[in-house]
């Protein structure tokens, strides 16, 4: 039986939390492999809502959960989230949660820098201001503080000095006060006893788990179109969000990713700035947002809404090696007389079947639409394809044709069990 890697195949917010929670029943271990606490997953389990932004979704199921080395970790937020979920009856212990000892930390100075840059920028990226980008900058700049450093005071002191040698000029240029190295050291030493019990070589644990024949579910954050290499740059996140990162961000090796399940919303949304060819500014867009409850889990920001973009998802299928998709929020389209699907773009008299990399071309894209008949019946809560209207099934089949990937799962409400299994990713 295969491992499964779950990634968002659009701009994030596709409903990964519910699907990962649903798939956790079939997995033994759940792994987060990139991003930080800028990503939010909302789980609805037996009427109780859990909002996670750093903890893997598997904790709610009581499954062994791993925060991999590809994640940048705000240790204060992690402790806060552990406490919050504990208050909902889920005790997070080192037997349940493993934190990669080579993961890099997000510090208050990263948050300061993130927020100051965004406030000063003429062309804003639309970050969450939580320090994710600056933390990744320090990681690739080889000056980051990692989880394992919390156990070594001498290493911690030296790394803080090196880190501040870089950050002090940046802070002064932005009008921020200098960081007190002694105070930062004291803060890290205070939280170390609370963090270190969770720290282990995650790669070694996962190697043992895979060799034992257990099944691993890799949980991505954000979406493939926000990938720092392959997304709508520079309006992207600061990490690789594509499926290939599951290997690098967990240490499991490239063959370990298994079946790649792309989560795809039945329409399209985006949070923050950046190009969005099918965005709707009319009553239809408003209706999608209201019916889909399109507000960010972490930020509360209203999401921009538009028609399904098959050209973008087709590109995402290729970039991620997607084996099959989970199509979510089909019920939001109930009651539309007609639906539109973008099948390509026109730009400068030329027709493109893919999303171009150039900023000028991106800004001038005109979507080419195909119209499909909608349906008046409800799909909400359907758990079998026999419960779906004929036109809803036609819509699903046409999406499969346009993106070049089969639908493995259909989600018809936020509830975990309102899911139609068409192909089991763990069996393929």
Protein backbone atom coordinates (compact mmCIF):
# COMPACT_ATOMS: atom_id res chain seq x y z
CA UNK A 1 0.00 0.00 0.00
CA UNK A 2 1.31 3.45 -0.97
CA UNK A 3 2.16 6.45 1.12
CA UNK A 4 0.10 9.49 0.16
CA UNK A 5 1.21 13.10 -0.31
CA UNK A 6 -1.55 15.71 -0.10
CA UNK A 7 -0.93 19.10 -1.67
CA UNK A 8 -3.09 22.05 -2.58
CA UNK A 9 -3.25 22.27 -6.37
CA UNK A 10 -4.42 25.90 -6.57
CA UNK A 11 -3.57 28.92 -4.37
CA UNK A 12 -4.27 27.18 -1.08
CA UNK A 13 -7.46 27.08 1.00
CA UNK A 14 -8.78 24.14 -1.02
CA UNK A 15 -9.98 22.18 2.01
CA UNK A 16 -6.83 20.14 2.69
CA UNK A 17 -7.54 19.97 6.42
CA UNK A 18 -10.74 18.00 6.05
CA UNK A 19 -9.25 15.61 3.50
CA UNK A 20 -6.09 15.01 5.51
CA UNK A 21 -8.24 14.37 8.56
CA UNK A 22 -10.38 11.95 6.54
CA UNK A 23 -7.34 10.16 5.13
CA UNK A 24 -5.73 9.96 8.57
CA UNK A 25 -8.11 7.08 9.30
CA UNK A 26 -6.20 5.06 6.69
CA UNK A 27 -2.69 6.25 7.66
CA UNK A 28 -0.38 5.41 10.53
CA UNK A 29 1.65 8.65 10.55
CA UNK A 30 0.97 12.22 9.37
CA UNK A 31 3.85 14.54 8.39
CA UNK A 32 3.97 18.32 7.76
CA UNK A 33 6.86 19.01 5.39
CA UNK A 34 6.93 22.77 4.62
CA UNK A 35 5.58 26.18 5.51
CA UNK A 36 4.95 27.61 8.94
CA UNK A 37 2.06 28.86 11.02
CA UNK A 38 0.90 31.08 8.17
CA UNK A 39 -1.09 28.11 6.88
CA UNK A 40 -4.44 27.23 8.42
CA UNK A 41 -6.42 24.00 8.40
CA UNK A 42 -9.96 23.82 9.73
CA UNK A 43 -11.22 20.39 10.79
CA UNK A 44 -14.83 19.63 11.73
CA UNK A 45 -15.00 16.36 13.64
CA UNK A 46 -18.28 15.21 15.20
CA UNK A 47 -19.51 18.78 15.33
CA UNK A 48 -16.36 20.10 16.99
CA UNK A 49 -14.18 22.56 15.05
CA UNK A 50 -10.40 22.48 15.32
CA UNK A 51 -8.28 25.23 13.79
CA UNK A 52 -4.68 24.16 13.24
CA UNK A 53 -1.90 26.20 11.70
CA UNK A 54 1.30 24.36 12.67
CA UNK A 55 0.31 21.03 14.18
CA UNK A 56 -0.23 18.23 11.64
CA UNK A 57 -3.90 17.33 11.23
CA UNK A 58 -3.23 13.80 12.44
CA UNK A 59 -3.08 14.92 16.07
CA UNK A 60 -6.87 15.20 16.18
CA UNK A 61 -7.10 11.53 15.15
CA UNK A 62 -4.50 10.51 17.72
CA UNK A 63 -2.09 9.50 14.94
CA UNK A 64 1.67 9.93 15.31
CA UNK A 65 2.34 13.37 13.81
CA UNK A 66 5.65 14.78 12.62
CA UNK A 67 6.71 18.38 11.97
CA UNK A 68 9.46 17.91 9.41
CA UNK A 69 12.68 19.79 8.81
CA UNK A 70 11.14 21.68 5.88
CA UNK A 71 8.85 23.56 8.28
CA UNK A 72 9.95 26.80 9.96
CA UNK A 73 8.70 26.68 13.53
CA UNK A 74 7.66 29.50 15.82
CA UNK A 75 8.22 27.74 19.16
CA UNK A 76 5.99 30.12 21.11
CA UNK A 77 3.15 29.58 18.67
CA UNK A 78 3.69 25.82 18.78
CA UNK A 79 3.34 25.80 22.56
CA UNK A 80 0.26 28.03 22.32
CA UNK A 81 -1.36 25.73 19.76
CA UNK A 82 -0.56 22.66 21.86
CA UNK A 83 -2.27 24.36 24.81
CA UNK A 84 -5.28 25.41 22.72
CA UNK A 85 -5.85 21.95 21.26
CA UNK A 86 -5.28 20.46 24.70
CA UNK A 87 -8.14 22.62 25.94
CA UNK A 88 -10.36 20.91 23.34
CA UNK A 89 -9.53 17.52 24.78
CA UNK A 90 -6.57 16.47 22.60
CA UNK A 91 -3.46 16.00 24.75
CA UNK A 92 -0.31 16.65 22.70
CA UNK A 93 2.55 14.60 24.14
CA UNK A 94 5.97 13.54 22.74
CA UNK A 95 4.39 10.14 22.05
CA UNK A 96 1.96 11.84 19.66
CA UNK A 97 4.04 14.71 18.24
CA UNK A 98 7.60 14.64 16.90
CA UNK A 99 9.46 17.82 15.96
CA UNK A 100 12.43 17.44 13.61
CA UNK A 101 15.55 18.45 15.52
CA UNK A 102 16.97 20.07 12.36
CA UNK A 103 13.94 22.33 11.76
CA UNK A 104 14.67 26.08 11.82
CA UNK A 105 13.03 28.45 14.28
CA UNK A 106 10.99 31.58 13.68
CA UNK A 107 11.97 34.26 16.20
CA UNK A 108 10.27 37.54 17.15
CA UNK A 109 12.83 39.42 15.06
CA UNK A 110 11.58 37.58 11.97
CA UNK A 111 8.03 38.74 12.64
CA UNK A 112 9.24 42.31 13.19
CA UNK A 113 11.08 42.31 9.88
CA UNK A 114 8.19 40.74 7.98
CA UNK A 115 5.68 43.30 9.23
CA UNK A 116 7.99 46.30 8.77
CA UNK A 117 8.81 45.34 5.19
CA UNK A 118 5.17 44.79 4.28
CA UNK A 119 4.17 48.13 5.82
CA UNK A 120 6.89 49.95 3.88
CA UNK A 121 6.38 48.18 0.54
CA UNK A 122 4.86 50.06 -2.37
CA UNK A 123 3.79 46.78 -3.99
CA UNK A 124 2.70 44.54 -1.16
CA UNK A 125 3.03 40.76 -1.39
CA UNK A 126 0.22 40.18 1.09
CA UNK A 127 2.13 38.14 3.69
CA UNK A 128 0.56 37.14 7.00
CA UNK A 129 3.28 39.08 8.83
CA UNK A 130 4.25 36.04 10.90
CA UNK A 131 7.93 35.96 10.00
CA UNK A 132 7.86 33.01 7.64
CA UNK A 133 9.79 34.61 4.78
CA UNK A 134 12.59 36.13 6.91
CA UNK A 135 13.01 32.78 8.70
CA UNK A 136 13.50 30.98 5.38
CA UNK A 137 15.95 33.71 4.34
CA UNK A 138 18.05 32.97 7.43
CA UNK A 139 17.80 29.25 6.72
CA UNK A 140 19.28 29.53 3.23
CA UNK A 141 21.70 32.19 4.52
CA UNK A 142 23.06 29.54 6.96
CA UNK A 143 22.53 31.65 10.04
CA UNK A 144 19.27 30.17 11.36
CA UNK A 145 18.80 28.80 14.86
CA UNK A 146 17.56 25.22 14.73
CA UNK A 147 15.62 23.15 17.24
CA UNK A 148 18.71 21.17 18.27
CA UNK A 149 20.53 24.39 19.16
CA UNK A 150 18.17 24.87 22.10
CA UNK A 151 20.08 22.10 23.91
CA UNK A 152 23.48 23.77 23.48
CA UNK A 153 23.96 27.14 25.18
CA UNK A 154 27.38 27.84 23.64
CA UNK A 155 26.08 27.14 20.13
CA UNK A 156 23.02 29.25 20.84
CA UNK A 157 25.08 32.25 21.97
CA UNK A 158 27.33 32.09 18.90
CA UNK A 159 24.36 31.71 16.54
CA UNK A 160 22.50 34.64 18.09
CA UNK A 161 25.58 36.84 17.57
CA UNK A 162 25.85 35.75 13.92
CA UNK A 163 22.11 36.26 13.40
CA UNK A 164 22.11 39.75 14.87
CA UNK A 165 25.13 40.77 12.80
CA UNK A 166 22.81 40.36 9.82
CA UNK A 167 19.55 41.65 11.34
CA UNK A 168 20.79 44.74 13.18
CA UNK A 169 21.55 46.77 10.02
CA UNK A 170 18.23 45.67 8.49
CA UNK A 171 16.30 46.73 11.58
CA UNK A 172 18.04 50.10 11.77
CA UNK A 173 17.24 50.73 8.11
CA UNK A 174 13.56 50.12 8.85
CA UNK A 175 13.56 52.18 12.04
CA UNK A 176 13.29 49.16 14.35
CA UNK A 177 15.13 49.04 17.70
CA UNK A 178 18.13 46.74 18.16
CA UNK A 179 17.49 43.27 19.55
CA UNK A 180 18.85 42.57 23.03
CA UNK A 181 20.97 39.43 22.52
CA UNK A 182 20.91 38.53 26.21
CA UNK A 183 17.14 38.81 26.41
CA UNK A 184 16.68 36.65 23.31
CA UNK A 185 19.02 34.02 24.75
CA UNK A 186 17.07 34.03 28.02
CA UNK A 187 13.76 33.63 26.17
CA UNK A 188 15.05 30.66 24.20
CA UNK A 189 16.52 29.02 27.30
CA UNK A 190 13.16 29.41 29.06
CA UNK A 191 11.18 27.65 26.34
CA UNK A 192 13.82 24.99 25.57
CA UNK A 193 12.62 22.53 28.27
CA UNK A 194 9.11 22.73 26.82
CA UNK A 195 10.20 22.21 23.19
CA UNK A 196 13.07 19.73 23.41
CA UNK A 197 10.99 16.74 24.65
CA UNK A 198 9.33 16.73 21.20
CA UNK A 199 12.64 16.94 19.29
CA UNK A 200 13.99 13.87 17.47
CA UNK A 201 15.76 13.02 14.20
CA UNK A 202 12.55 12.84 12.18
CA UNK A 203 14.28 11.37 9.13
CA UNK A 204 15.48 8.39 11.19
CA UNK A 205 12.05 7.79 12.67
CA UNK A 206 10.38 7.96 9.25
CA UNK A 207 12.95 5.60 7.74
CA UNK A 208 12.10 3.03 10.42
CA UNK A 209 8.36 3.57 9.92
CA UNK A 210 8.50 3.09 6.16
CA UNK A 211 10.69 -0.02 6.45
CA UNK A 212 8.17 -1.50 8.87
CA UNK A 213 5.44 -1.23 6.22
CA UNK A 214 3.42 1.49 7.90
CA UNK A 215 1.63 4.10 5.82
CA UNK A 216 2.64 7.76 5.89
CA UNK A 217 0.45 10.69 4.95
CA UNK A 218 2.40 13.81 3.94
CA UNK A 219 0.48 17.02 4.51
CA UNK A 220 1.34 20.11 2.48
CA UNK A 221 0.43 23.68 3.35
CA UNK A 222 -0.66 26.53 1.07
CA UNK A 223 -0.94 25.54 -2.61
CA UNK A 224 1.26 24.64 -5.56
CA UNK A 225 0.59 27.98 -7.26
CA UNK A 226 2.23 29.70 -4.27
CA UNK A 227 5.44 27.68 -4.69
CA UNK A 228 8.50 29.93 -4.53
CA UNK A 229 9.78 28.48 -7.83
CA UNK A 230 6.67 27.48 -9.72
CA UNK A 231 4.01 29.84 -8.39
CA UNK A 232 2.91 33.34 -9.42
CA UNK A 233 6.24 34.87 -8.38
CA UNK A 234 6.79 37.20 -6.53
CA UNK A 235 3.28 36.79 -5.09
CA UNK A 236 4.16 33.45 -3.56
CA UNK A 237 5.04 31.94 -0.22
CA UNK A 238 8.67 31.45 0.85
CA UNK A 239 8.90 27.67 0.55
CA UNK A 240 8.49 24.97 -2.04
CA UNK A 241 4.90 23.80 -1.81
CA UNK A 242 4.97 21.23 -4.62
CA UNK A 243 4.84 17.49 -3.91
CA UNK A 244 8.58 17.04 -4.46
CA UNK A 245 9.17 18.95 -1.24
CA UNK A 246 7.64 16.08 0.76
CA UNK A 247 10.93 14.22 0.37
CA UNK A 248 13.29 17.11 1.10
CA UNK A 249 11.12 18.51 3.89
CA UNK A 250 10.90 15.24 5.81
CA UNK A 251 14.08 13.37 4.88
CA UNK A 252 12.23 10.35 3.59
CA UNK A 253 13.79 10.19 0.11
CA UNK A 254 12.15 10.86 -3.28
CA UNK A 255 10.47 7.46 -3.60
CA UNK A 256 8.65 7.85 -0.32
CA UNK A 257 6.05 10.41 -1.44
CA UNK A 258 3.84 7.71 -2.98
CA UNK A 259 0.43 8.65 -4.39
CA UNK A 260 0.15 12.42 -4.91
CA UNK A 261 -3.34 13.69 -4.17
CA UNK A 262 -4.01 17.24 -5.35
CA UNK A 263 -6.75 19.06 -3.48
CA UNK A 264 -8.78 21.19 -5.88
CA UNK A 265 -11.72 23.46 -5.14
CA UNK A 266 -14.64 23.24 -7.59
CA UNK A 267 -14.09 26.94 -8.28
CA UNK A 268 -11.04 29.13 -7.58
CA UNK A 269 -10.02 31.38 -4.69
CA UNK A 270 -6.98 33.37 -3.71
CA UNK A 271 -5.90 35.30 -0.61
CA UNK A 272 -3.59 38.29 -0.83
CA UNK A 273 -2.11 40.00 -3.84
CA UNK A 274 -1.14 38.61 -7.23
CA UNK A 275 -2.62 37.66 -10.60
CA UNK A 276 -5.96 35.82 -10.72
CA UNK A 277 -7.26 35.47 -14.30
CA UNK A 278 -10.75 34.14 -13.47
CA UNK A 279 -11.46 36.48 -10.54
CA UNK A 280 -15.04 37.73 -10.40
CA UNK A 281 -15.93 41.18 -9.10
CA UNK A 282 -19.68 40.80 -9.57
CA UNK A 283 -22.59 39.20 -7.73
CA UNK A 284 -21.44 35.75 -8.83
CA UNK A 285 -18.08 36.21 -7.11
CA UNK A 286 -19.82 37.51 -4.01
CA UNK A 287 -22.18 34.53 -4.04
CA UNK A 288 -19.27 32.07 -4.24
CA UNK A 289 -17.56 33.79 -1.32
CA UNK A 290 -20.66 33.84 0.86
CA UNK A 291 -21.77 30.28 0.13
CA UNK A 292 -18.23 28.94 0.44
CA UNK A 293 -17.53 30.87 3.69
CA UNK A 294 -14.35 32.13 2.05
CA UNK A 295 -12.40 33.67 4.89
CA UNK A 296 -8.84 32.74 5.83
CA UNK A 297 -8.40 30.39 8.82
CA UNK A 298 -5.31 32.25 10.02
CA UNK A 299 -5.94 35.84 8.91
CA UNK A 300 -9.72 36.10 8.64
CA UNK A 301 -9.19 37.90 5.32
CA UNK A 302 -11.91 37.53 2.69
CA UNK A 303 -10.75 35.38 -0.21
CA UNK A 304 -10.99 36.52 -3.80
CA UNK A 305 -13.30 34.21 -5.78
CA UNK A 306 -13.61 33.17 -9.42
CA UNK A 307 -14.51 30.40 -11.84
CA UNK A 308 -12.58 27.13 -12.00
CA UNK A 309 -9.30 27.55 -13.90
CA UNK A 310 -8.54 24.25 -15.62
CA UNK A 311 -5.42 25.64 -17.31
CA UNK A 312 -3.84 26.44 -13.93
CA UNK A 313 -4.80 23.10 -12.39
CA UNK A 314 -3.53 21.25 -15.47
CA UNK A 315 -0.18 22.98 -14.90
CA UNK A 316 -0.29 22.01 -11.24
CA UNK A 317 -0.97 18.38 -12.17
CA UNK A 318 2.21 18.35 -14.26
CA UNK A 319 4.39 20.15 -11.70
CA UNK A 320 3.38 17.84 -8.86
CA UNK A 321 3.04 14.53 -10.68
CA UNK A 322 -0.51 14.38 -9.36
CA UNK A 323 -1.96 10.87 -9.35
CA UNK A 324 -5.54 12.01 -8.66
CA UNK A 325 -7.45 14.94 -7.23
CA UNK A 326 -9.88 15.52 -4.42
CA UNK A 327 -12.53 17.95 -5.66
CA UNK A 328 -13.93 20.01 -2.78
CA UNK A 329 -16.84 22.38 -2.21
CA UNK A 330 -18.90 21.02 -5.08
CA UNK A 331 -22.00 21.97 -3.08
CA UNK A 332 -21.12 25.69 -3.35
CA UNK A 333 -22.03 25.50 -7.05
CA UNK A 334 -25.57 24.25 -6.34
CA UNK A 335 -28.22 26.46 -7.94
CA UNK A 336 -26.12 28.07 -10.68
CA UNK A 337 -27.91 27.96 -14.02
CA UNK A 338 -24.63 27.95 -15.93
CA UNK A 339 -21.01 27.46 -14.89
CA UNK A 340 -17.83 28.62 -16.56
CA UNK A 341 -14.47 26.85 -16.72
CA UNK A 342 -11.29 28.52 -17.96
CA UNK A 343 -9.57 26.32 -20.56
CA UNK A 344 -6.75 28.68 -21.60
CA UNK A 345 -5.77 32.32 -22.01
CA UNK A 346 -5.44 34.99 -24.66
CA UNK A 347 -2.56 37.44 -24.41
CA UNK A 348 -1.30 39.80 -27.08
CA UNK A 349 -3.21 38.03 -29.84
CA UNK A 350 -1.77 34.67 -28.81
CA UNK A 351 -3.62 31.76 -27.17
CA UNK A 352 -1.82 29.99 -24.31
CA UNK A 353 -2.69 26.69 -22.66
CA UNK A 354 -0.50 27.45 -19.63
CA UNK A 355 0.13 30.24 -17.13
CA UNK A 356 3.19 32.28 -18.23
CA UNK A 357 6.04 33.29 -15.91
CA UNK A 358 6.38 36.91 -17.03
CA UNK A 359 4.70 39.58 -14.91
CA UNK A 360 3.52 41.61 -17.90
CA UNK A 361 1.97 38.57 -19.55
CA UNK A 362 0.30 37.50 -16.30
CA UNK A 363 -1.26 40.92 -15.83
CA UNK A 364 -2.78 40.96 -19.33
CA UNK A 365 -4.20 37.43 -19.45
CA UNK A 366 -7.76 37.10 -20.72
CA UNK A 367 -9.41 33.80 -19.77
CA UNK A 368 -10.96 31.63 -22.46
CA UNK A 369 -14.11 30.09 -21.02
CA UNK A 370 -16.15 27.00 -21.73
CA UNK A 371 -19.74 27.09 -20.45
CA UNK A 372 -21.42 24.12 -18.79
CA UNK A 373 -24.98 23.59 -17.59
CA UNK A 374 -25.46 23.95 -13.86
CA UNK A 375 -27.91 22.10 -11.62
CA UNK A 376 -30.80 23.12 -9.37
CA UNK A 377 -30.66 20.09 -7.07
CA UNK A 378 -28.47 19.99 -3.95
CA UNK A 379 -25.20 18.08 -3.67
CA UNK A 380 -24.61 19.09 -0.05
CA UNK A 381 -23.87 16.09 2.14
CA UNK A 382 -23.87 13.57 -0.72
CA UNK A 383 -21.88 10.42 0.08
CA UNK A 384 -22.44 8.45 -3.10
CA UNK A 385 -22.25 9.44 -6.78
CA UNK A 386 -25.82 8.15 -7.15
CA UNK A 387 -26.90 11.08 -4.96
CA UNK A 388 -25.44 13.65 -7.38
CA UNK A 389 -27.40 15.47 -10.09
CA UNK A 390 -26.51 14.40 -13.64
CA UNK A 391 -25.09 17.82 -14.50
CA UNK A 392 -22.88 17.77 -11.39
CA UNK A 393 -21.41 14.47 -12.57
CA UNK A 394 -20.91 15.95 -16.06
CA UNK A 395 -19.10 18.90 -14.47
CA UNK A 396 -16.78 16.56 -12.57
CA UNK A 397 -16.05 14.45 -15.66
CA UNK A 398 -15.30 17.52 -17.77
CA UNK A 399 -12.84 18.77 -15.16
CA UNK A 400 -11.09 15.38 -15.26
CA UNK A 401 -10.74 15.67 -19.04
CA UNK A 402 -9.44 19.24 -18.93
CA UNK A 403 -6.82 18.77 -16.21
CA UNK A 404 -5.63 15.31 -17.21
CA UNK A 405 -6.16 13.64 -13.83
CA UNK A 406 -8.95 11.54 -12.31
CA UNK A 407 -11.10 12.58 -9.36
CA UNK A 408 -10.30 10.22 -6.48
CA UNK A 409 -12.42 11.97 -3.84
CA UNK A 410 -15.39 14.32 -3.87
CA UNK A 411 -16.13 16.53 -0.88
CA UNK A 412 -19.67 17.84 -0.50
CA UNK A 413 -19.54 19.65 2.87
CA UNK A 414 -17.06 20.55 5.64
CA UNK A 415 -18.09 17.42 7.56
CA UNK A 416 -15.51 14.64 7.45
CA UNK A 417 -17.92 11.89 6.37
CA UNK A 418 -19.53 13.91 3.56
CA UNK A 419 -16.93 12.54 1.17
CA UNK A 420 -17.36 10.28 -1.87
CA UNK A 421 -14.48 7.85 -2.35
CA UNK A 422 -14.04 7.13 -6.03
CA UNK A 423 -10.49 5.72 -5.82
CA UNK A 424 -8.58 4.93 -2.60
CA UNK A 425 -5.17 6.69 -2.74
CA UNK A 426 -3.70 4.19 -0.27
CA UNK A 427 -4.62 1.30 -2.57
CA UNK A 428 -3.20 2.76 -5.82
